[in-house]
């Protein structure tokens, strides 16, 4: 039986990337919902087998400027409350943390590039084990307090909360496991001014991609595949 994955997207250039074929290999049909164009409140929080919440350039604390974020938080509050599968990336992870009652705020640095993320003891026996020792792509300057009732799965020297989970059915990652080389190039080309203003060199970032992209994509696909395998049969709320 085909499973359904609803994917909340905040920007056309920030999509599932290398995670899309993994979903299809696991028998999921995929429906993108462009949250800044479509009515998120029309979604049934319990209908899809899986909800994926992707990244975006806005911050959770800008929800008054981007009202769709309020609707996403409401959707996540209901879905997480029903213990139904959710996977969040970057902004998606921050929205999950907020829906679980935690504060989201500006972090100490704007982190751009491939960086090491180390699993915790709990993370080392979870799907996060696949990124141990593998630099993963980061592009964020926000962070969050760890919600009550979750398990911290990974951190880094710059950001202590890089990933958390709830049981085997909810996973939030601050880094970008989905990024392909094509996505990376599109993001760099669209953000040259931001990259330069933050003191990064576009050429250096491209050389990082040449060095680390293939390994990260293999690790992220393994991580996501193992997590999907662990979801088991569809949960009924």
Protein backbone atom coordinates (compact mmCIF):
# COMPACT_ATOMS: atom_id res chain seq x y z
CA UNK A 1 0.00 0.00 0.00
CA UNK A 2 1.32 3.47 -0.91
CA UNK A 3 2.00 5.73 2.03
CA UNK A 4 1.57 9.48 1.89
CA UNK A 5 4.09 12.15 2.83
CA UNK A 6 2.99 15.77 3.12
CA UNK A 7 5.95 18.12 2.78
CA UNK A 8 5.72 21.70 4.04
CA UNK A 9 7.90 23.88 1.81
CA UNK A 10 8.76 27.55 2.45
CA UNK A 11 10.80 28.21 -0.69
CA UNK A 12 10.95 26.45 -4.07
CA UNK A 13 14.74 26.11 -3.79
CA UNK A 14 14.53 24.41 -0.37
CA UNK A 15 13.03 21.05 -1.25
CA UNK A 16 13.54 17.37 -0.39
CA UNK A 17 16.66 17.06 -2.51
CA UNK A 18 18.40 13.73 -2.03
CA UNK A 19 15.75 12.62 0.49
CA UNK A 20 13.01 12.46 -2.13
CA UNK A 21 14.20 9.23 -3.77
CA UNK A 22 14.53 7.66 -0.31
CA UNK A 23 10.87 8.41 0.39
CA UNK A 24 9.83 6.97 -2.96
CA UNK A 25 11.93 3.84 -2.39
CA UNK A 26 10.03 3.36 0.87
CA UNK A 27 6.70 3.51 -0.95
CA UNK A 28 5.64 7.09 -0.21
CA UNK A 29 3.72 9.36 -2.53
CA UNK A 30 4.76 12.98 -1.98
CA UNK A 31 2.62 16.08 -1.80
CA UNK A 32 4.32 19.43 -1.43
CA UNK A 33 2.41 22.20 0.32
CA UNK A 34 3.84 25.65 -0.37
CA UNK A 35 3.07 27.25 2.96
CA UNK A 36 3.36 30.87 1.84
CA UNK A 37 0.86 30.27 -0.99
CA UNK A 38 -1.49 27.58 0.34
CA UNK A 39 -3.71 27.41 3.41
CA UNK A 40 -1.92 25.23 5.96
CA UNK A 41 -4.99 25.34 8.21
CA UNK A 42 -6.86 23.28 5.62
CA UNK A 43 -4.58 20.30 6.29
CA UNK A 44 -5.76 17.47 8.50
CA UNK A 45 -2.92 16.94 11.02
CA UNK A 46 -3.70 13.21 11.23
CA UNK A 47 -4.29 12.34 7.58
CA UNK A 48 -0.78 11.80 6.13
CA UNK A 49 1.43 8.89 7.09
CA UNK A 50 4.36 11.29 7.42
CA UNK A 51 4.71 15.05 7.77
CA UNK A 52 8.01 16.60 6.64
CA UNK A 53 8.74 20.25 7.48
CA UNK A 54 11.58 21.80 5.50
CA UNK A 55 13.80 24.84 6.02
CA UNK A 56 13.25 28.48 5.17
CA UNK A 57 14.86 31.89 5.45
CA UNK A 58 12.44 33.22 8.08
CA UNK A 59 12.66 32.65 11.83
CA UNK A 60 10.01 31.13 14.09
CA UNK A 61 9.99 34.42 16.03
CA UNK A 62 8.85 36.18 12.82
CA UNK A 63 5.51 34.39 12.76
CA UNK A 64 3.58 37.66 12.95
CA UNK A 65 5.27 38.68 9.70
CA UNK A 66 4.76 35.21 8.19
CA UNK A 67 1.35 34.07 9.54
CA UNK A 68 1.69 30.67 7.88
CA UNK A 69 4.18 29.82 10.62
CA UNK A 70 1.42 30.15 13.23
CA UNK A 71 -0.63 27.64 11.24
CA UNK A 72 2.34 25.28 10.97
CA UNK A 73 2.93 25.42 14.72
CA UNK A 74 -0.75 24.62 15.33
CA UNK A 75 -0.53 21.71 12.86
CA UNK A 76 2.61 20.37 14.52
CA UNK A 77 1.16 20.75 18.01
CA UNK A 78 -1.79 18.55 17.03
CA UNK A 79 0.25 16.02 15.09
CA UNK A 80 3.00 15.66 17.70
CA UNK A 81 0.32 15.46 20.37
CA UNK A 82 -1.13 12.48 18.51
CA UNK A 83 2.33 10.80 18.29
CA UNK A 84 2.25 10.71 14.50
CA UNK A 85 5.47 10.69 12.41
CA UNK A 86 7.17 14.03 11.78
CA UNK A 87 10.57 14.85 10.29
CA UNK A 88 11.85 18.43 10.54
CA UNK A 89 14.86 20.10 8.91
CA UNK A 90 16.40 23.40 10.12
CA UNK A 91 13.39 25.76 10.33
CA UNK A 92 11.27 22.60 10.49
CA UNK A 93 13.20 21.42 13.55
CA UNK A 94 12.80 24.84 15.16
CA UNK A 95 9.04 24.80 14.49
CA UNK A 96 8.85 21.36 16.09
CA UNK A 97 10.70 22.62 19.15
CA UNK A 98 8.34 25.60 19.41
CA UNK A 99 5.26 23.39 19.00
CA UNK A 100 6.60 21.35 21.92
CA UNK A 101 6.80 24.47 24.08
CA UNK A 102 10.40 25.62 23.63
CA UNK A 103 11.83 29.00 22.74
CA UNK A 104 13.48 29.63 19.36
CA UNK A 105 15.95 32.49 19.09
CA UNK A 106 19.04 33.86 17.35
CA UNK A 107 22.18 31.83 17.94
CA UNK A 108 25.77 32.94 18.44
CA UNK A 109 26.88 32.63 14.79
CA UNK A 110 25.60 32.38 11.24
CA UNK A 111 26.81 28.92 10.41
CA UNK A 112 27.38 28.31 6.70
CA UNK A 113 29.29 25.36 5.33
CA UNK A 114 30.08 21.72 6.07
CA UNK A 115 30.57 21.14 9.80
CA UNK A 116 30.92 18.16 12.09
CA UNK A 117 27.90 17.16 14.15
CA UNK A 118 28.55 14.56 16.81
CA UNK A 119 25.85 12.19 18.02
CA UNK A 120 25.20 11.95 21.74
CA UNK A 121 25.28 8.58 23.50
CA UNK A 122 21.62 8.15 22.59
CA UNK A 123 22.27 9.40 19.06
CA UNK A 124 25.03 6.83 18.55
CA UNK A 125 22.42 4.06 18.66
CA UNK A 126 19.93 5.98 16.51
CA UNK A 127 19.87 6.82 12.78
CA UNK A 128 22.04 9.86 13.64
CA UNK A 129 24.96 7.44 13.96
CA UNK A 130 25.40 7.67 10.18
CA UNK A 131 26.60 11.30 10.37
CA UNK A 132 29.25 10.63 13.01
CA UNK A 133 32.55 11.87 11.60
CA UNK A 134 30.87 13.07 8.39
CA UNK A 135 30.73 16.87 7.89
CA UNK A 136 27.13 17.88 7.14
CA UNK A 137 25.85 21.04 5.51
CA UNK A 138 24.74 23.91 7.75
CA UNK A 139 23.07 27.19 6.89
CA UNK A 140 21.40 28.72 9.93
CA UNK A 141 21.76 31.32 12.64
CA UNK A 142 18.87 30.32 14.90
CA UNK A 143 18.68 27.79 17.70
CA UNK A 144 16.21 26.51 20.29
CA UNK A 145 15.95 25.25 23.83
CA UNK A 146 15.58 21.49 24.04
CA UNK A 147 11.91 20.64 24.63
CA UNK A 148 10.82 18.56 27.60
CA UNK A 149 10.26 14.91 26.84
CA UNK A 150 12.57 14.64 23.83
CA UNK A 151 15.96 12.95 23.47
CA UNK A 152 18.92 15.06 22.37
CA UNK A 153 20.62 13.12 19.59
CA UNK A 154 23.44 15.37 18.36
CA UNK A 155 25.28 18.62 19.00
CA UNK A 156 28.26 20.65 17.83
CA UNK A 157 30.70 23.07 19.48
CA UNK A 158 28.73 26.01 18.07
CA UNK A 159 25.22 24.68 18.66
CA UNK A 160 24.45 22.22 21.43
CA UNK A 161 21.10 21.16 20.00
CA UNK A 162 21.63 19.82 16.49
CA UNK A 163 19.11 16.98 16.57
CA UNK A 164 16.42 15.54 18.82
CA UNK A 165 13.89 12.77 18.62
CA UNK A 166 10.79 11.37 20.28
CA UNK A 167 10.69 7.59 20.33
CA UNK A 168 11.04 6.21 16.82
CA UNK A 169 8.43 8.50 15.26
CA UNK A 170 9.70 12.11 15.44
CA UNK A 171 13.09 13.40 14.31
CA UNK A 172 14.33 16.98 14.10
CA UNK A 173 17.70 18.00 12.64
CA UNK A 174 19.17 21.49 12.54
CA UNK A 175 21.53 20.72 9.65
CA UNK A 176 20.52 20.15 6.01
CA UNK A 177 20.78 16.46 5.12
CA UNK A 178 18.76 17.02 1.95
CA UNK A 179 21.20 19.30 0.11
CA UNK A 180 22.44 18.11 -3.27
CA UNK A 181 25.30 19.74 -5.16
CA UNK A 182 22.76 21.46 -7.41
CA UNK A 183 20.84 22.88 -4.44
CA UNK A 184 24.07 24.04 -2.83
CA UNK A 185 25.04 25.96 -5.97
CA UNK A 186 21.59 27.57 -6.27
CA UNK A 187 21.71 28.70 -2.62
CA UNK A 188 25.20 30.16 -3.00
CA UNK A 189 24.32 32.00 -6.21
CA UNK A 190 21.23 33.54 -4.59
CA UNK A 191 23.01 34.55 -1.39
CA UNK A 192 26.43 35.87 -2.42
CA UNK A 193 25.91 39.15 -0.54
CA UNK A 194 24.91 37.37 2.69
CA UNK A 195 27.80 34.94 2.39
CA UNK A 196 30.31 37.76 1.91
CA UNK A 197 28.79 39.85 4.71
CA UNK A 198 29.25 36.94 7.10
CA UNK A 199 32.91 36.65 6.20
CA UNK A 200 32.69 33.51 4.06
CA UNK A 201 34.27 33.03 0.65
CA UNK A 202 32.08 31.47 -2.03
CA UNK A 203 35.06 29.74 -3.58
CA UNK A 204 35.96 28.15 -0.26
CA UNK A 205 32.39 26.95 0.18
CA UNK A 206 32.42 25.38 -3.27
CA UNK A 207 35.69 23.60 -2.47
CA UNK A 208 34.10 22.29 0.75
CA UNK A 209 31.26 20.93 -1.36
CA UNK A 210 33.67 19.12 -3.66
CA UNK A 211 35.32 17.55 -0.64
CA UNK A 212 32.35 16.65 1.54
CA UNK A 213 29.11 16.59 -0.48
CA UNK A 214 29.22 12.98 -1.66
CA UNK A 215 29.98 11.60 1.79
CA UNK A 216 27.27 13.71 3.41
CA UNK A 217 24.63 12.66 0.90
CA UNK A 218 25.43 8.99 1.43
CA UNK A 219 25.29 9.42 5.21
CA UNK A 220 22.07 11.44 5.14
CA UNK A 221 20.32 8.96 2.88
CA UNK A 222 21.34 6.14 5.23
CA UNK A 223 20.14 8.14 8.23
CA UNK A 224 16.77 8.94 6.68
CA UNK A 225 16.28 5.42 5.31
CA UNK A 226 16.95 3.84 8.69
CA UNK A 227 14.57 6.27 10.38
CA UNK A 228 11.82 5.50 7.85
CA UNK A 229 12.39 1.77 8.38
CA UNK A 230 11.83 2.32 12.10
CA UNK A 231 8.40 3.89 11.65
CA UNK A 232 6.78 0.50 11.16
CA UNK A 233 3.06 0.23 10.38
CA UNK A 234 0.91 3.36 10.15
CA UNK A 235 -0.05 4.67 13.56
CA UNK A 236 -3.68 5.33 14.30
CA UNK A 237 -4.26 8.25 16.70
